[in-house]
Amino acid sequence: MVAAIGNARQFTNGRELSAWLGLVPREHSSGQRTMLLGISKRGNRYLRTLLIHGARAATRVAERKRDARSIWLSRLKLRGGPNVAAVALANKNARVMWALLARGDSYRVRPAMDGAAAA
């Protein structure tokens, strides 16, 4: 990721990086009607493919985990299907990577939820 984008601060925010990678929905809107279509598939095809394949691997094991991201992903997978969930996770991961690279932070894992809060 670092080799492909260089300085992450060249992007204003994580959504801009996601759009550059082609992970955000295409918009076809007019007037008061907003239509979001599939992902735009613009930008770096190789990085987008890697992010989506990594997200597909994470969606397969999300049901067995109880952390906040896995619960979110499992619910999204039930609502929208496995492909929508994989692209949404890839988009979220790209935004997190932008934040980490732009701010120079390191990734901090949220603590796992207990049984009562997860239900």
PDB file of N, CA and C in Angstrom:
ATOM      1  N   MET A   1       0.824  -1.184   0.000  1.00  0.00           N
ATOM      2  CA  MET A   1       0.000   0.000   0.000  1.00  0.00           C
ATOM      3  C   MET A   1       0.871   1.252   0.000  1.00  0.00           C
ATOM      4  N   VAL A   2       1.885   1.246   0.831  1.00  0.00           N
ATOM      5  CA  VAL A   2       2.770   2.406   0.931  1.00  0.00           C
ATOM      6  C   VAL A   2       3.494   2.641  -0.391  1.00  0.00           C
ATOM      7  N   ALA A   3       3.924   1.574  -1.042  1.00  0.00           N
ATOM      8  CA  ALA A   3       4.635   1.723  -2.311  1.00  0.00           C
ATOM      9  C   ALA A   3       3.718   2.267  -3.407  1.00  0.00           C
ATOM     10  N   ALA A   4       2.455   1.923  -3.362  1.00  0.00           N
ATOM     11  CA  ALA A   4       1.533   2.355  -4.413  1.00  0.00           C
ATOM     12  C   ALA A   4       1.074   3.794  -4.228  1.00  0.00           C
ATOM     13  N   ILE A   5       0.789   4.194  -2.982  1.00  0.00           N
ATOM     14  CA  ILE A   5       0.240   5.534  -2.790  1.00  0.00           C
ATOM     15  C   ILE A   5       1.284   6.556  -2.382  1.00  0.00           C
ATOM     16  N   GLY A   6       2.422   6.115  -1.898  1.00  0.00           N
ATOM     17  CA  GLY A   6       3.437   7.062  -1.464  1.00  0.00           C
ATOM     18  C   GLY A   6       3.027   7.727  -0.165  1.00  0.00           C
ATOM     19  N   ASN A   7       2.891   9.037  -0.192  1.00  0.00           N
ATOM     20  CA  ASN A   7       2.496   9.796   0.987  1.00  0.00           C
ATOM     21  C   ASN A   7       0.977   9.778   1.105  1.00  0.00           C
ATOM     22  N   ALA A   8       0.470   9.254   2.192  1.00  0.00           N
ATOM     23  CA  ALA A   8      -0.980   9.154   2.395  1.00  0.00           C
ATOM     24  C   ALA A   8      -1.617  10.520   2.563  1.00  0.00           C
ATOM     25  N   ARG A   9      -0.845  11.526   2.912  1.00  0.00           N
ATOM     26  CA  ARG A   9      -1.401  12.867   3.120  1.00  0.00           C
ATOM     27  C   ARG A   9      -1.762  13.559   1.814  1.00  0.00           C
ATOM     28  N   GLN A  10      -1.425  12.940   0.676  1.00  0.00           N
ATOM     29  CA  GLN A  10      -1.854  13.523  -0.597  1.00  0.00           C
ATOM     30  C   GLN A  10      -3.371  13.359  -0.780  1.00  0.00           C
ATOM     31  N   PHE A  11      -3.975  12.467  -0.019  1.00  0.00           N
ATOM     32  CA  PHE A  11      -5.425  12.297  -0.014  1.00  0.00           C
ATOM     33  C   PHE A  11      -5.992  13.070   1.173  1.00  0.00           C
ATOM     34  N   THR A  12      -7.089  13.760   0.955  1.00  0.00           N
ATOM     35  CA  THR A  12      -7.698  14.572   2.004  1.00  0.00           C
ATOM     36  C   THR A  12      -8.234  13.720   3.141  1.00  0.00           C
ATOM     37  N   ASN A  13      -8.841  12.586   2.803  1.00  0.00           N
ATOM     38  CA  ASN A  13      -9.414  11.716   3.816  1.00  0.00           C
ATOM     39  C   ASN A  13      -9.422  10.279   3.298  1.00  0.00           C
ATOM     40  N   GLY A  14      -9.915   9.374   4.135  1.00  0.00           N
ATOM     41  CA  GLY A  14      -9.937   7.966   3.768  1.00  0.00           C
ATOM     42  C   GLY A  14     -10.872   7.662   2.616  1.00  0.00           C
ATOM     43  N   ARG A  15     -11.964   8.426   2.500  1.00  0.00           N
ATOM     44  CA  ARG A  15     -12.894   8.204   1.403  1.00  0.00           C
ATOM     45  C   ARG A  15     -12.249   8.523   0.068  1.00  0.00           C
ATOM     46  N   GLU A  16     -11.405   9.531   0.055  1.00  0.00           N
ATOM     47  CA  GLU A  16     -10.699   9.880  -1.175  1.00  0.00           C
ATOM     48  C   GLU A  16      -9.761   8.750  -1.599  1.00  0.00           C
ATOM     49  N   LEU A  17      -9.073   8.141  -0.645  1.00  0.00           N
ATOM     50  CA  LEU A  17      -8.222   6.991  -0.953  1.00  0.00           C
ATOM     51  C   LEU A  17      -9.068   5.828  -1.446  1.00  0.00           C
ATOM     52  N   SER A  18     -10.212   5.572  -0.803  1.00  0.00           N
ATOM     53  CA  SER A  18     -11.100   4.500  -1.234  1.00  0.00           C
ATOM     54  C   SER A  18     -11.602   4.724  -2.649  1.00  0.00           C
ATOM     55  N   ALA A  19     -11.928   5.968  -2.966  1.00  0.00           N
ATOM     56  CA  ALA A  19     -12.384   6.288  -4.319  1.00  0.00           C
ATOM     57  C   ALA A  19     -11.252   6.081  -5.317  1.00  0.00           C
ATOM     58  N   TRP A  20     -10.036   6.421  -4.925  1.00  0.00           N
ATOM     59  CA  TRP A  20      -8.881   6.241  -5.799  1.00  0.00           C
ATOM     60  C   TRP A  20      -8.639   4.758  -6.076  1.00  0.00           C
ATOM     61  N   LEU A  21      -8.925   3.928  -5.085  1.00  0.00           N
ATOM     62  CA  LEU A  21      -8.772   2.484  -5.255  1.00  0.00           C
ATOM     63  C   LEU A  21      -9.959   1.850  -5.981  1.00  0.00           C
ATOM     64  N   GLY A  22     -11.072   2.566  -6.091  1.00  0.00           N
ATOM     65  CA  GLY A  22     -12.257   2.043  -6.761  1.00  0.00           C
ATOM     66  C   GLY A  22     -13.132   1.209  -5.846  1.00  0.00           C
ATOM     67  N   LEU A  23     -13.153   1.525  -4.558  1.00  0.00           N
ATOM     68  CA  LEU A  23     -13.924   0.746  -3.585  1.00  0.00           C
ATOM     69  C   LEU A  23     -15.208   1.428  -3.133  1.00  0.00           C
ATOM     70  N   VAL A  24     -15.545   2.563  -3.706  1.00  0.00           N
ATOM     71  CA  VAL A  24     -16.776   3.254  -3.324  1.00  0.00           C
ATOM     72  C   VAL A  24     -17.814   3.081  -4.428  1.00  0.00           C
ATOM     73  N   PRO A  25     -19.096   3.191  -4.095  1.00  0.00           N
ATOM     74  CA  PRO A  25     -20.125   3.000  -5.115  1.00  0.00           C
ATOM     75  C   PRO A  25     -20.124   4.121  -6.158  1.00  0.00           C
ATOM     76  N   ARG A  26     -20.438   3.748  -7.396  1.00  0.00           N
ATOM     77  CA  ARG A  26     -20.647   4.754  -8.434  1.00  0.00           C
ATOM     78  C   ARG A  26     -21.966   5.434  -8.140  1.00  0.00           C
ATOM     79  N   GLU A  27     -22.016   6.718  -8.394  1.00  0.00           N
ATOM     80  CA  GLU A  27     -23.241   7.457  -8.136  1.00  0.00           C
ATOM     81  C   GLU A  27     -23.852   7.900  -9.452  1.00  0.00           C
ATOM     82  N   HIS A  28     -25.130   7.676  -9.588  1.00  0.00           N
ATOM     83  CA  HIS A  28     -25.881   8.094 -10.775  1.00  0.00           C
ATOM     84  C   HIS A  28     -27.135   8.778 -10.270  1.00  0.00           C
ATOM     85  N   SER A  29     -26.980  10.046  -9.867  1.00  0.00           N
ATOM     86  CA  SER A  29     -28.063  10.755  -9.207  1.00  0.00           C
ATOM     87  C   SER A  29     -28.493  11.955 -10.042  1.00  0.00           C
ATOM     88  N   SER A  30     -29.747  12.317  -9.869  1.00  0.00           N
ATOM     89  CA  SER A  30     -30.262  13.534 -10.499  1.00  0.00           C
ATOM     90  C   SER A  30     -31.389  14.073  -9.632  1.00  0.00           C
ATOM     91  N   GLY A  31     -31.451  15.380  -9.516  1.00  0.00           N
ATOM     92  CA  GLY A  31     -32.519  15.984  -8.723  1.00  0.00           C
ATOM     93  C   GLY A  31     -32.498  15.519  -7.293  1.00  0.00           C
ATOM     94  N   GLN A  32     -33.612  15.005  -6.835  1.00  0.00           N
ATOM     95  CA  GLN A  32     -33.719  14.583  -5.448  1.00  0.00           C
ATOM     96  C   GLN A  32     -33.529  13.088  -5.279  1.00  0.00           C
ATOM     97  N   ARG A  33     -33.259  12.394  -6.358  1.00  0.00           N
ATOM     98  CA  ARG A  33     -33.136  10.938  -6.297  1.00  0.00           C
ATOM     99  C   ARG A  33     -31.664  10.539  -6.314  1.00  0.00           C
ATOM    100  N   THR A  34     -31.241   9.798  -5.304  1.00  0.00           N
ATOM    101  CA  THR A  34     -29.857   9.337  -5.214  1.00  0.00           C
ATOM    102  C   THR A  34     -29.816   7.856  -5.547  1.00  0.00           C
ATOM    103  N   MET A  35     -28.981   7.503  -6.504  1.00  0.00           N
ATOM    104  CA  MET A  35     -28.801   6.091  -6.861  1.00  0.00           C
ATOM    105  C   MET A  35     -27.332   5.728  -6.719  1.00  0.00           C
ATOM    106  N   LEU A  36     -27.047   4.791  -5.841  1.00  0.00           N
ATOM    107  CA  LEU A  36     -25.696   4.274  -5.695  1.00  0.00           C
ATOM    108  C   LEU A  36     -25.645   2.917  -6.363  1.00  0.00           C
ATOM    109  N   LEU A  37     -24.681   2.742  -7.255  1.00  0.00           N
ATOM    110  CA  LEU A  37     -24.550   1.502  -8.009  1.00  0.00           C
ATOM    111  C   LEU A  37     -23.416   0.677  -7.423  1.00  0.00           C
ATOM    112  N   GLY A  38     -22.861  -0.250  -8.176  1.00  0.00           N
ATOM    113  CA  GLY A  38     -21.743  -1.073  -7.718  1.00  0.00           C
ATOM    114  C   GLY A  38     -20.480  -0.254  -7.576  1.00  0.00           C
ATOM    115  N   ILE A  39     -19.403  -0.890  -7.171  1.00  0.00           N
ATOM    116  CA  ILE A  39     -18.146  -0.168  -6.990  1.00  0.00           C
ATOM    117  C   ILE A  39     -17.667   0.355  -8.332  1.00  0.00           C
ATOM    118  N   SER A  40     -16.894   1.433  -8.303  1.00  0.00           N
ATOM    119  CA  SER A  40     -16.509   2.124  -9.531  1.00  0.00           C
ATOM    120  C   SER A  40     -15.430   1.383 -10.322  1.00  0.00           C
ATOM    121  N   LYS A  41     -14.623   0.561  -9.661  1.00  0.00           N
ATOM    122  CA  LYS A  41     -13.542  -0.200 -10.281  1.00  0.00           C
ATOM    123  C   LYS A  41     -12.528   0.687 -10.994  1.00  0.00           C
ATOM    124  N   ARG A  42     -12.314   1.855 -10.477  1.00  0.00           N
ATOM    125  CA  ARG A  42     -11.269   2.740 -10.999  1.00  0.00           C
ATOM    126  C   ARG A  42     -10.059   2.620 -10.097  1.00  0.00           C
ATOM    127  N   GLY A  43      -8.948   3.124 -10.532  1.00  0.00           N
ATOM    128  CA  GLY A  43      -7.775   3.135  -9.686  1.00  0.00           C
ATOM    129  C   GLY A  43      -6.945   1.877  -9.812  1.00  0.00           C
ATOM    130  N   ASN A  44      -6.220   1.562  -8.782  1.00  0.00           N
ATOM    131  CA  ASN A  44      -5.250   0.483  -8.785  1.00  0.00           C
ATOM    132  C   ASN A  44      -5.961  -0.868  -8.651  1.00  0.00           C
ATOM    133  N   ARG A  45      -6.033  -1.586  -9.743  1.00  0.00           N
ATOM    134  CA  ARG A  45      -6.754  -2.854  -9.779  1.00  0.00           C
ATOM    135  C   ARG A  45      -6.116  -3.905  -8.865  1.00  0.00           C
ATOM    136  N   TYR A  46      -4.799  -3.938  -8.833  1.00  0.00           N
ATOM    137  CA  TYR A  46      -4.096  -4.941  -8.038  1.00  0.00           C
ATOM    138  C   TYR A  46      -4.348  -4.734  -6.538  1.00  0.00           C
ATOM    139  N   LEU A  47      -4.225  -3.489  -6.065  1.00  0.00           N
ATOM    140  CA  LEU A  47      -4.474  -3.222  -4.645  1.00  0.00           C
ATOM    141  C   LEU A  47      -5.921  -3.496  -4.266  1.00  0.00           C
ATOM    142  N   ARG A  48      -6.868  -3.104  -5.145  1.00  0.00           N
ATOM    143  CA  ARG A  48      -8.277  -3.359  -4.881  1.00  0.00           C
ATOM    144  C   ARG A  48      -8.531  -4.859  -4.767  1.00  0.00           C
ATOM    145  N   THR A  49      -7.920  -5.636  -5.659  1.00  0.00           N
ATOM    146  CA  THR A  49      -8.071  -7.087  -5.631  1.00  0.00           C
ATOM    147  C   THR A  49      -7.520  -7.667  -4.334  1.00  0.00           C
ATOM    148  N   LEU A  50      -6.361  -7.208  -3.909  1.00  0.00           N
ATOM    149  CA  LEU A  50      -5.770  -7.703  -2.661  1.00  0.00           C
ATOM    150  C   LEU A  50      -6.649  -7.364  -1.456  1.00  0.00           C
ATOM    151  N   LEU A  51      -7.163  -6.136  -1.421  1.00  0.00           N
ATOM    152  CA  LEU A  51      -8.010  -5.740  -0.301  1.00  0.00           C
ATOM    153  C   LEU A  51      -9.300  -6.556  -0.258  1.00  0.00           C
ATOM    154  N   ILE A  52      -9.906  -6.795  -1.419  1.00  0.00           N
ATOM    155  CA  ILE A  52     -11.159  -7.559  -1.452  1.00  0.00           C
ATOM    156  C   ILE A  52     -10.912  -9.018  -1.114  1.00  0.00           C
ATOM    157  N   HIS A  53      -9.823  -9.598  -1.612  1.00  0.00           N
ATOM    158  CA  HIS A  53      -9.537 -11.000  -1.268  1.00  0.00           C
ATOM    159  C   HIS A  53      -9.238 -11.156   0.220  1.00  0.00           C
ATOM    160  N   GLY A  54      -8.537 -10.208   0.803  1.00  0.00           N
ATOM    161  CA  GLY A  54      -8.306 -10.241   2.245  1.00  0.00           C
ATOM    162  C   GLY A  54      -9.596 -10.120   3.018  1.00  0.00           C
ATOM    163  N   ALA A  55     -10.500  -9.275   2.533  1.00  0.00           N
ATOM    164  CA  ALA A  55     -11.790  -9.106   3.186  1.00  0.00           C
ATOM    165  C   ALA A  55     -12.638 -10.367   3.045  1.00  0.00           C
ATOM    166  N   ARG A  56     -12.548 -11.049   1.907  1.00  0.00           N
ATOM    167  CA  ARG A  56     -13.292 -12.309   1.737  1.00  0.00           C
ATOM    168  C   ARG A  56     -12.817 -13.350   2.749  1.00  0.00           C
ATOM    169  N   ALA A  57     -11.519 -13.393   2.971  1.00  0.00           N
ATOM    170  CA  ALA A  57     -10.982 -14.335   3.956  1.00  0.00           C
ATOM    171  C   ALA A  57     -11.497 -13.988   5.352  1.00  0.00           C
ATOM    172  N   ALA A  58     -11.595 -12.694   5.646  1.00  0.00           N
ATOM    173  CA  ALA A  58     -12.087 -12.279   6.966  1.00  0.00           C
ATOM    174  C   ALA A  58     -13.573 -12.572   7.127  1.00  0.00           C
ATOM    175  N   THR A  59     -14.351 -12.472   6.048  1.00  0.00           N
ATOM    176  CA  THR A  59     -15.784 -12.747   6.160  1.00  0.00           C
ATOM    177  C   THR A  59     -16.043 -14.221   6.446  1.00  0.00           C
ATOM    178  N   ARG A  60     -15.152 -15.085   6.001  1.00  0.00           N
ATOM    179  CA  ARG A  60     -15.334 -16.519   6.243  1.00  0.00           C
ATOM    180  C   ARG A  60     -15.207 -16.875   7.711  1.00  0.00           C
ATOM    181  N   VAL A  61     -14.373 -16.173   8.443  1.00  0.00           N
ATOM    182  CA  VAL A  61     -14.139 -16.517   9.850  1.00  0.00           C
ATOM    183  C   VAL A  61     -14.847 -15.572  10.819  1.00  0.00           C
ATOM    184  N   ALA A  62     -15.572 -14.573  10.306  1.00  0.00           N
ATOM    185  CA  ALA A  62     -16.190 -13.562  11.171  1.00  0.00           C
ATOM    186  C   ALA A  62     -17.243 -14.149  12.098  1.00  0.00           C
ATOM    187  N   GLU A  63     -17.959 -15.192  11.647  1.00  0.00           N
ATOM    188  CA  GLU A  63     -19.010 -15.759  12.487  1.00  0.00           C
ATOM    189  C   GLU A  63     -18.461 -16.394  13.763  1.00  0.00           C
ATOM    190  N   ARG A  64     -17.219 -16.826  13.728  1.00  0.00           N
ATOM    191  CA  ARG A  64     -16.623 -17.494  14.896  1.00  0.00           C
ATOM    192  C   ARG A  64     -16.027 -16.521  15.895  1.00  0.00           C
ATOM    193  N   LYS A  65     -15.903 -15.245  15.526  1.00  0.00           N
ATOM    194  CA  LYS A  65     -15.274 -14.262  16.395  1.00  0.00           C
ATOM    195  C   LYS A  65     -16.318 -13.351  17.017  1.00  0.00           C
ATOM    196  N   ARG A  66     -15.984 -12.732  18.131  1.00  0.00           N
ATOM    197  CA  ARG A  66     -16.939 -11.890  18.853  1.00  0.00           C
ATOM    198  C   ARG A  66     -16.454 -10.457  19.019  1.00  0.00           C
ATOM    199  N   ASP A  67     -15.475  -9.999  18.279  1.00  0.00           N
ATOM    200  CA  ASP A  67     -15.058  -8.605  18.389  1.00  0.00           C
ATOM    201  C   ASP A  67     -16.041  -7.728  17.607  1.00  0.00           C
ATOM    202  N   ALA A  68     -15.982  -6.429  17.809  1.00  0.00           N
ATOM    203  CA  ALA A  68     -16.966  -5.496  17.247  1.00  0.00           C
ATOM    204  C   ALA A  68     -16.978  -5.541  15.717  1.00  0.00           C
ATOM    205  N   ARG A  69     -15.817  -5.594  15.108  1.00  0.00           N
ATOM    206  CA  ARG A  69     -15.752  -5.607  13.644  1.00  0.00           C
ATOM    207  C   ARG A  69     -16.342  -6.891  13.075  1.00  0.00           C
ATOM    208  N   SER A  70     -16.098  -8.018  13.698  1.00  0.00           N
ATOM    209  CA  SER A  70     -16.643  -9.289  13.219  1.00  0.00           C
ATOM    210  C   SER A  70     -18.158  -9.339  13.362  1.00  0.00           C
ATOM    211  N   ILE A  71     -18.681  -8.776  14.435  1.00  0.00           N
ATOM    212  CA  ILE A  71     -20.134  -8.720  14.609  1.00  0.00           C
ATOM    213  C   ILE A  71     -20.754  -7.832  13.539  1.00  0.00           C
ATOM    214  N   TRP A  72     -20.158  -6.658  13.301  1.00  0.00           N
ATOM    215  CA  TRP A  72     -20.630  -5.776  12.238  1.00  0.00           C
ATOM    216  C   TRP A  72     -20.613  -6.489  10.890  1.00  0.00           C
ATOM    217  N   LEU A  73     -19.527  -7.188  10.607  1.00  0.00           N
ATOM    218  CA  LEU A  73     -19.375  -7.885   9.336  1.00  0.00           C
ATOM    219  C   LEU A  73     -20.376  -9.024   9.187  1.00  0.00           C
ATOM    220  N   SER A  74     -20.621  -9.769  10.253  1.00  0.00           N
ATOM    221  CA  SER A  74     -21.597 -10.864  10.196  1.00  0.00           C
ATOM    222  C   SER A  74     -22.996 -10.345   9.917  1.00  0.00           C
ATOM    223  N   ARG A  75     -23.366  -9.251  10.562  1.00  0.00           N
ATOM    224  CA  ARG A  75     -24.691  -8.664  10.330  1.00  0.00           C
ATOM    225  C   ARG A  75     -24.814  -8.132   8.910  1.00  0.00           C
ATOM    226  N   LEU A  76     -23.771  -7.498   8.419  1.00  0.00           N
ATOM    227  CA  LEU A  76     -23.788  -6.989   7.049  1.00  0.00           C
ATOM    228  C   LEU A  76     -23.879  -8.124   6.039  1.00  0.00           C
ATOM    229  N   LYS A  77     -23.186  -9.213   6.317  1.00  0.00           N
ATOM    230  CA  LYS A  77     -23.221 -10.375   5.429  1.00  0.00           C
ATOM    231  C   LYS A  77     -24.626 -10.964   5.355  1.00  0.00           C
ATOM    232  N   LEU A  78     -25.348 -10.980   6.470  1.00  0.00           N
ATOM    233  CA  LEU A  78     -26.734 -11.469   6.478  1.00  0.00           C
ATOM    234  C   LEU A  78     -27.652 -10.549   5.684  1.00  0.00           C
ATOM    235  N   ARG A  79     -27.462  -9.242   5.816  1.00  0.00           N
ATOM    236  CA  ARG A  79     -28.318  -8.272   5.139  1.00  0.00           C
ATOM    237  C   ARG A  79     -28.025  -8.176   3.647  1.00  0.00           C
ATOM    238  N   GLY A  80     -26.746  -8.070   3.281  1.00  0.00           N
ATOM    239  CA  GLY A  80     -26.402  -7.746   1.902  1.00  0.00           C
ATOM    240  C   GLY A  80     -25.754  -8.858   1.112  1.00  0.00           C
ATOM    241  N   GLY A  81     -25.332  -9.907   1.759  1.00  0.00           N
ATOM    242  CA  GLY A  81     -24.669 -10.996   1.069  1.00  0.00           C
ATOM    243  C   GLY A  81     -23.160 -10.932   1.240  1.00  0.00           C
ATOM    244  N   PRO A  82     -22.476 -12.017   0.890  1.00  0.00           N
ATOM    245  CA  PRO A  82     -21.037 -12.096   1.143  1.00  0.00           C
ATOM    246  C   PRO A  82     -20.194 -11.138   0.291  1.00  0.00           C
ATOM    247  N   ASN A  83     -20.604 -10.877  -0.938  1.00  0.00           N
ATOM    248  CA  ASN A  83     -19.811  -9.980  -1.784  1.00  0.00           C
ATOM    249  C   ASN A  83     -19.913  -8.539  -1.325  1.00  0.00           C
ATOM    250  N   VAL A  84     -21.105  -8.103  -0.972  1.00  0.00           N
ATOM    251  CA  VAL A  84     -21.292  -6.748  -0.458  1.00  0.00           C
ATOM    252  C   VAL A  84     -20.498  -6.570   0.830  1.00  0.00           C
ATOM    253  N   ALA A  85     -20.546  -7.563   1.695  1.00  0.00           N
ATOM    254  CA  ALA A  85     -19.810  -7.496   2.956  1.00  0.00           C
ATOM    255  C   ALA A  85     -18.305  -7.438   2.715  1.00  0.00           C
ATOM    256  N   ALA A  86     -17.810  -8.204   1.756  1.00  0.00           N
ATOM    257  CA  ALA A  86     -16.375  -8.206   1.475  1.00  0.00           C
ATOM    258  C   ALA A  86     -15.914  -6.855   0.952  1.00  0.00           C
ATOM    259  N   VAL A  87     -16.665  -6.256   0.064  1.00  0.00           N
ATOM    260  CA  VAL A  87     -16.280  -4.946  -0.480  1.00  0.00           C
ATOM    261  C   VAL A  87     -16.391  -3.878   0.599  1.00  0.00           C
ATOM    262  N   ALA A  88     -17.411  -3.946   1.441  1.00  0.00           N
ATOM    263  CA  ALA A  88     -17.557  -2.981   2.533  1.00  0.00           C
ATOM    264  C   ALA A  88     -16.388  -3.086   3.510  1.00  0.00           C
ATOM    265  N   LEU A  89     -15.972  -4.295   3.811  1.00  0.00           N
ATOM    266  CA  LEU A  89     -14.822  -4.477   4.705  1.00  0.00           C
ATOM    267  C   LEU A  89     -13.538  -3.996   4.048  1.00  0.00           C
ATOM    268  N   ALA A  90     -13.371  -4.254   2.766  1.00  0.00           N
ATOM    269  CA  ALA A  90     -12.189  -3.764   2.044  1.00  0.00           C
ATOM    270  C   ALA A  90     -12.153  -2.239   2.066  1.00  0.00           C
ATOM    271  N   ASN A  91     -13.313  -1.614   1.888  1.00  0.00           N
ATOM    272  CA  ASN A  91     -13.421  -0.155   1.939  1.00  0.00           C
ATOM    273  C   ASN A  91     -13.047   0.355   3.327  1.00  0.00           C
ATOM    274  N   LYS A  92     -13.568  -0.296   4.357  1.00  0.00           N
ATOM    275  CA  LYS A  92     -13.274   0.106   5.735  1.00  0.00           C
ATOM    276  C   LYS A  92     -11.787  -0.079   6.040  1.00  0.00           C
ATOM    277  N   ASN A  93     -11.212  -1.181   5.587  1.00  0.00           N
ATOM    278  CA  ASN A  93      -9.785  -1.421   5.819  1.00  0.00           C
ATOM    279  C   ASN A  93      -8.920  -0.375   5.125  1.00  0.00           C
ATOM    280  N   ALA A  94      -9.301   0.013   3.915  1.00  0.00           N
ATOM    281  CA  ALA A  94      -8.543   1.039   3.184  1.00  0.00           C
ATOM    282  C   ALA A  94      -8.591   2.368   3.930  1.00  0.00           C
ATOM    283  N   ARG A  95      -9.747   2.705   4.493  1.00  0.00           N
ATOM    284  CA  ARG A  95      -9.875   3.947   5.247  1.00  0.00           C
ATOM    285  C   ARG A  95      -9.056   3.908   6.537  1.00  0.00           C
ATOM    286  N   VAL A  96      -9.038   2.755   7.185  1.00  0.00           N
ATOM    287  CA  VAL A  96      -8.230   2.610   8.402  1.00  0.00           C
ATOM    288  C   VAL A  96      -6.746   2.725   8.055  1.00  0.00           C
ATOM    289  N   MET A  97      -6.347   2.104   6.944  1.00  0.00           N
ATOM    290  CA  MET A  97      -4.944   2.203   6.528  1.00  0.00           C
ATOM    291  C   MET A  97      -4.557   3.641   6.229  1.00  0.00           C
ATOM    292  N   TRP A  98      -5.469   4.387   5.589  1.00  0.00           N
ATOM    293  CA  TRP A  98      -5.176   5.795   5.325  1.00  0.00           C
ATOM    294  C   TRP A  98      -4.948   6.542   6.635  1.00  0.00           C
ATOM    295  N   ALA A  99      -5.832   6.325   7.610  1.00  0.00           N
ATOM    296  CA  ALA A  99      -5.715   7.016   8.894  1.00  0.00           C
ATOM    297  C   ALA A  99      -4.387   6.677   9.577  1.00  0.00           C
ATOM    298  N   LEU A 100      -4.017   5.416   9.530  1.00  0.00           N
ATOM    299  CA  LEU A 100      -2.761   5.004  10.166  1.00  0.00           C
ATOM    300  C   LEU A 100      -1.555   5.614   9.463  1.00  0.00           C
ATOM    301  N   LEU A 101      -1.569   5.600   8.135  1.00  0.00           N
ATOM    302  CA  LEU A 101      -0.441   6.143   7.373  1.00  0.00           C
ATOM    303  C   LEU A 101      -0.370   7.662   7.462  1.00  0.00           C
ATOM    304  N   ALA A 102      -1.505   8.332   7.394  1.00  0.00           N
ATOM    305  CA  ALA A 102      -1.515   9.794   7.403  1.00  0.00           C
ATOM    306  C   ALA A 102      -1.138  10.358   8.769  1.00  0.00           C
ATOM    307  N   ARG A 103      -1.543   9.672   9.827  1.00  0.00           N
ATOM    308  CA  ARG A 103      -1.287  10.172  11.180  1.00  0.00           C
ATOM    309  C   ARG A 103      -0.056   9.555  11.827  1.00  0.00           C
ATOM    310  N   GLY A 104       0.477   8.495  11.220  1.00  0.00           N
ATOM    311  CA  GLY A 104       1.643   7.834  11.791  1.00  0.00           C
ATOM    312  C   GLY A 104       1.329   7.017  13.028  1.00  0.00           C
ATOM    313  N   ASP A 105       0.083   6.613  13.183  1.00  0.00           N
ATOM    314  CA  ASP A 105      -0.331   5.819  14.339  1.00  0.00           C
ATOM    315  C   ASP A 105      -0.072   4.348  14.101  1.00  0.00           C
ATOM    316  N   SER A 106      -0.260   3.562  15.147  1.00  0.00           N
ATOM    317  CA  SER A 106      -0.239   2.111  15.011  1.00  0.00           C
ATOM    318  C   SER A 106      -1.645   1.590  15.317  1.00  0.00           C
ATOM    319  N   TYR A 107      -1.965   0.440  14.787  1.00  0.00           N
ATOM    320  CA  TYR A 107      -3.313  -0.124  14.916  1.00  0.00           C
ATOM    321  C   TYR A 107      -3.534  -0.626  16.326  1.00  0.00           C
ATOM    322  N   ARG A 108      -4.688  -0.265  16.898  1.00  0.00           N
ATOM    323  CA  ARG A 108      -5.078  -0.719  18.231  1.00  0.00           C
ATOM    324  C   ARG A 108      -6.342  -1.543  18.088  1.00  0.00           C
ATOM    325  N   VAL A 109      -6.322  -2.757  18.574  1.00  0.00           N
ATOM    326  CA  VAL A 109      -7.471  -3.654  18.494  1.00  0.00           C
ATOM    327  C   VAL A 109      -8.445  -3.311  19.612  1.00  0.00           C
ATOM    328  N   ARG A 110      -9.724  -3.276  19.270  1.00  0.00           N
ATOM    329  CA  ARG A 110     -10.746  -3.085  20.294  1.00  0.00           C
ATOM    330  C   ARG A 110     -10.861  -4.352  21.118  1.00  0.00           C
ATOM    331  N   PRO A 111     -11.187  -4.226  22.389  1.00  0.00           N
ATOM    332  CA  PRO A 111     -11.358  -5.442  23.196  1.00  0.00           C
ATOM    333  C   PRO A 111     -12.589  -6.220  22.741  1.00  0.00           C
ATOM    334  N   ALA A 112     -12.549  -7.530  22.928  1.00  0.00           N
ATOM    335  CA  ALA A 112     -13.671  -8.394  22.549  1.00  0.00           C
ATOM    336  C   ALA A 112     -14.872  -8.093  23.426  1.00  0.00           C
ATOM    337  N   MET A 113     -16.053  -8.280  22.826  1.00  0.00           N
ATOM    338  CA  MET A 113     -17.292  -8.039  23.578  1.00  0.00           C
ATOM    339  C   MET A 113     -17.623  -9.280  24.405  1.00  0.00           C
ATOM    340  N   ASP A 114     -18.235  -9.062  25.559  1.00  0.00           N
ATOM    341  CA  ASP A 114     -18.647 -10.196  26.360  1.00  0.00           C
ATOM    342  C   ASP A 114     -19.957 -10.761  25.819  1.00  0.00           C
ATOM    343  N   GLY A 115     -20.395 -11.870  26.322  1.00  0.00           N
ATOM    344  CA  GLY A 115     -21.588 -12.567  25.808  1.00  0.00           C
ATOM    345  C   GLY A 115     -22.859 -11.734  25.897  1.00  0.00           C
ATOM    346  N   ALA A 116     -23.033 -10.942  26.967  1.00  0.00           N
ATOM    347  CA  ALA A 116     -24.261 -10.171  27.134  1.00  0.00           C
ATOM    348  C   ALA A 116     -24.339  -9.026  26.141  1.00  0.00           C
ATOM    349  N   ALA A 117     -23.214  -8.354  25.883  1.00  0.00           N
ATOM    350  CA  ALA A 117     -23.213  -7.217  24.962  1.00  0.00           C
ATOM    351  C   ALA A 117     -23.293  -7.661  23.511  1.00  0.00           C
ATOM    352  N   ALA A 118     -22.834  -8.850  23.200  1.00  0.00           N
ATOM    353  CA  ALA A 118     -22.819  -9.320  21.818  1.00  0.00           C
ATOM    354  C   ALA A 118     -24.197  -9.741  21.343  1.00  0.00           C
ATOM    355  N   ALA A 119     -25.075 -10.102  22.250  1.00  0.00           N
ATOM    356  CA  ALA A 119     -26.416 -10.569  21.865  1.00  0.00           C
ATOM    357  C   ALA A 119     -27.340  -9.462  21.520  1.00  0.00           C
TER     358      ALA A 119
END
